[in-house]
Amino acid sequence: MPFMIFFSTVPNIEEGKQIARVLVEQKIAACVNIVPNVISIYEWKNNIEEDNELILIIKTKKENSEILINKLKEIHSYEVPECIGIEIKEGSKEYLDWIEEITSV
């Protein structure tokens, strides 16, 4: 079974924890790491912006990708939340088995 890592930035720790809890409680993700102190420089509405954000590292099954993307759009405070997924090509069998177990309803 293919697995994914998704990345999404958030404006603060409270929102990061809230999103992480929803994704794990609803078994959309097995684990969400919250990494602080990410400086993001980007263009938004014709302005160059610079923000101190946090990044969520979200581990899930590939089959949950669409559900995860839609849930992020629903609960994220950003107008266009970052949601970028990368397929996991290698990993320990035990960890990947754990992701499968945790995200199976």
C-alpha atoms as a PDB file:
ATOM      1  CA  MET A   1       0.000   0.000   0.000  1.00  0.00           C
ATOM      2  CA  PRO A   2       1.438   3.416  -0.935  1.00  0.00           C
ATOM      3  CA  PHE A   3       1.945   6.018   1.766  1.00  0.00           C
ATOM      4  CA  MET A   4       2.274   9.811   1.671  1.00  0.00           C
ATOM      5  CA  ILE A   5       3.815  12.705   3.538  1.00  0.00           C
ATOM      6  CA  PHE A   6       1.932  15.980   3.251  1.00  0.00           C
ATOM      7  CA  PHE A   7       3.231  19.422   4.195  1.00  0.00           C
ATOM      8  CA  SER A   8       1.066  22.341   5.286  1.00  0.00           C
ATOM      9  CA  THR A   9       2.065  25.628   6.889  1.00  0.00           C
ATOM     10  CA  VAL A  10       0.044  27.188   9.711  1.00  0.00           C
ATOM     11  CA  PRO A  11       0.185  30.642  11.335  1.00  0.00           C
ATOM     12  CA  ASN A  12       0.477  29.545  14.981  1.00  0.00           C
ATOM     13  CA  ILE A  13       0.834  26.595  17.345  1.00  0.00           C
ATOM     14  CA  GLU A  14      -2.825  26.628  18.396  1.00  0.00           C
ATOM     15  CA  GLU A  15      -4.053  26.158  14.831  1.00  0.00           C
ATOM     16  CA  GLY A  16      -1.359  23.565  14.156  1.00  0.00           C
ATOM     17  CA  LYS A  17      -2.423  21.492  17.163  1.00  0.00           C
ATOM     18  CA  GLN A  18      -6.095  21.830  16.304  1.00  0.00           C
ATOM     19  CA  ILE A  19      -5.550  20.646  12.713  1.00  0.00           C
ATOM     20  CA  ALA A  20      -3.246  17.825  13.857  1.00  0.00           C
ATOM     21  CA  ARG A  21      -5.773  16.582  16.398  1.00  0.00           C
ATOM     22  CA  VAL A  22      -8.620  16.575  13.861  1.00  0.00           C
ATOM     23  CA  LEU A  23      -6.553  14.653  11.309  1.00  0.00           C
ATOM     24  CA  VAL A  24      -5.417  12.043  13.841  1.00  0.00           C
ATOM     25  CA  GLU A  25      -8.757  11.719  15.669  1.00  0.00           C
ATOM     26  CA  GLN A  26     -10.579  11.198  12.359  1.00  0.00           C
ATOM     27  CA  LYS A  27      -7.933   8.633  11.297  1.00  0.00           C
ATOM     28  CA  ILE A  28      -7.069  10.693   8.216  1.00  0.00           C
ATOM     29  CA  ALA A  29      -3.437  10.766   9.389  1.00  0.00           C
ATOM     30  CA  ALA A  30      -1.401   8.495  11.642  1.00  0.00           C
ATOM     31  CA  CYS A  31       0.880  11.259  12.887  1.00  0.00           C
ATOM     32  CA  VAL A  32       1.395  15.000  12.465  1.00  0.00           C
ATOM     33  CA  ASN A  33       4.679  16.657  13.429  1.00  0.00           C
ATOM     34  CA  ILE A  34       4.566  20.385  14.136  1.00  0.00           C
ATOM     35  CA  VAL A  35       7.836  22.143  13.305  1.00  0.00           C
ATOM     36  CA  PRO A  36       8.166  25.737  14.571  1.00  0.00           C
ATOM     37  CA  ASN A  37      10.114  28.742  13.269  1.00  0.00           C
ATOM     38  CA  VAL A  38       9.651  28.369   9.531  1.00  0.00           C
ATOM     39  CA  ILE A  39      10.201  31.634   7.683  1.00  0.00           C
ATOM     40  CA  SER A  40       8.086  31.760   4.531  1.00  0.00           C
ATOM     41  CA  ILE A  41       8.645  34.314   1.768  1.00  0.00           C
ATOM     42  CA  TYR A  42       6.047  34.229  -0.988  1.00  0.00           C
ATOM     43  CA  GLU A  43       3.959  36.351  -3.315  1.00  0.00           C
ATOM     44  CA  TRP A  44       0.299  36.812  -2.393  1.00  0.00           C
ATOM     45  CA  LYS A  45      -2.097  39.202  -4.124  1.00  0.00           C
ATOM     46  CA  ASN A  46       0.749  41.079  -5.863  1.00  0.00           C
ATOM     47  CA  ASN A  47       2.735  41.598  -2.650  1.00  0.00           C
ATOM     48  CA  ILE A  48       5.884  39.892  -1.435  1.00  0.00           C
ATOM     49  CA  GLU A  49       5.061  38.579   2.035  1.00  0.00           C
ATOM     50  CA  GLU A  50       7.278  37.259   4.832  1.00  0.00           C
ATOM     51  CA  ASP A  51       5.773  35.291   7.703  1.00  0.00           C
ATOM     52  CA  ASN A  52       7.006  33.238  10.618  1.00  0.00           C
ATOM     53  CA  GLU A  53       4.975  30.059  10.376  1.00  0.00           C
ATOM     54  CA  LEU A  54       5.019  26.448  11.516  1.00  0.00           C
ATOM     55  CA  ILE A  55       4.973  23.485   9.182  1.00  0.00           C
ATOM     56  CA  LEU A  56       2.913  20.360   9.634  1.00  0.00           C
ATOM     57  CA  ILE A  57       4.421  17.075   8.460  1.00  0.00           C
ATOM     58  CA  ILE A  58       1.490  14.716   7.980  1.00  0.00           C
ATOM     59  CA  LYS A  59       1.863  10.936   7.461  1.00  0.00           C
ATOM     60  CA  THR A  60      -0.980   8.990   5.883  1.00  0.00           C
ATOM     61  CA  LYS A  61      -2.013   6.393   3.300  1.00  0.00           C
ATOM     62  CA  LYS A  62      -2.196   7.489  -0.321  1.00  0.00           C
ATOM     63  CA  GLU A  63      -5.870   6.535  -0.432  1.00  0.00           C
ATOM     64  CA  ASN A  64      -6.553   9.223   2.234  1.00  0.00           C
ATOM     65  CA  SER A  65      -5.021  12.024   0.123  1.00  0.00           C
ATOM     66  CA  GLU A  66      -8.258  13.505  -1.211  1.00  0.00           C
ATOM     67  CA  ILE A  67      -9.926  13.330   2.219  1.00  0.00           C
ATOM     68  CA  LEU A  68      -6.905  15.050   3.795  1.00  0.00           C
ATOM     69  CA  ILE A  69      -6.813  17.815   1.170  1.00  0.00           C
ATOM     70  CA  ASN A  70     -10.542  18.489   1.556  1.00  0.00           C
ATOM     71  CA  LYS A  71     -10.353  18.454   5.378  1.00  0.00           C
ATOM     72  CA  LEU A  72      -7.466  20.958   5.339  1.00  0.00           C
ATOM     73  CA  LYS A  73      -9.445  23.273   3.054  1.00  0.00           C
ATOM     74  CA  GLU A  74     -12.388  22.986   5.456  1.00  0.00           C
ATOM     75  CA  ILE A  75     -10.610  23.650   8.775  1.00  0.00           C
ATOM     76  CA  HIS A  76      -7.538  25.746   7.845  1.00  0.00           C
ATOM     77  CA  SER A  77      -7.664  29.510   8.392  1.00  0.00           C
ATOM     78  CA  TYR A  78      -5.750  30.339   5.190  1.00  0.00           C
ATOM     79  CA  GLU A  79      -7.711  31.201   2.063  1.00  0.00           C
ATOM     80  CA  VAL A  80      -5.459  28.818   0.103  1.00  0.00           C
ATOM     81  CA  PRO A  81      -3.722  26.457   2.540  1.00  0.00           C
ATOM     82  CA  GLU A  82      -0.535  24.742   1.463  1.00  0.00           C
ATOM     83  CA  CYS A  83      -1.145  21.051   0.948  1.00  0.00           C
ATOM     84  CA  ILE A  84       1.665  19.298  -0.897  1.00  0.00           C
ATOM     85  CA  GLY A  85       2.015  15.532  -0.875  1.00  0.00           C
ATOM     86  CA  ILE A  86       5.034  13.371  -1.604  1.00  0.00           C
ATOM     87  CA  GLU A  87       4.820   9.609  -1.934  1.00  0.00           C
ATOM     88  CA  ILE A  88       6.929   7.644   0.520  1.00  0.00           C
ATOM     89  CA  LYS A  89       9.182   5.411  -1.584  1.00  0.00           C
ATOM     90  CA  GLU A  90      11.005   3.668   1.266  1.00  0.00           C
ATOM     91  CA  GLY A  91      10.479   3.178   4.981  1.00  0.00           C
ATOM     92  CA  SER A  92      10.684   0.658   7.755  1.00  0.00           C
ATOM     93  CA  LYS A  93       8.052  -2.027   7.392  1.00  0.00           C
ATOM     94  CA  GLU A  94       7.033  -1.632  11.033  1.00  0.00           C
ATOM     95  CA  TYR A  95       6.434   2.124  10.686  1.00  0.00           C
ATOM     96  CA  LEU A  96       4.510   1.782   7.428  1.00  0.00           C
ATOM     97  CA  ASP A  97       2.451  -1.053   8.953  1.00  0.00           C
ATOM     98  CA  TRP A  98       1.678   1.276  11.874  1.00  0.00           C
ATOM     99  CA  ILE A  99       0.464   4.025   9.493  1.00  0.00           C
ATOM    100  CA  GLU A 100      -1.751   1.450   7.790  1.00  0.00           C
ATOM    101  CA  GLU A 101      -3.159   0.234  11.111  1.00  0.00           C
ATOM    102  CA  ILE A 102      -3.825   3.689  12.558  1.00  0.00           C
ATOM    103  CA  THR A 103      -5.490   5.104   9.433  1.00  0.00           C
ATOM    104  CA  SER A 104      -7.761   2.113   8.832  1.00  0.00           C
ATOM    105  CA  VAL A 105     -11.301   2.624  10.028  1.00  0.00           C
END
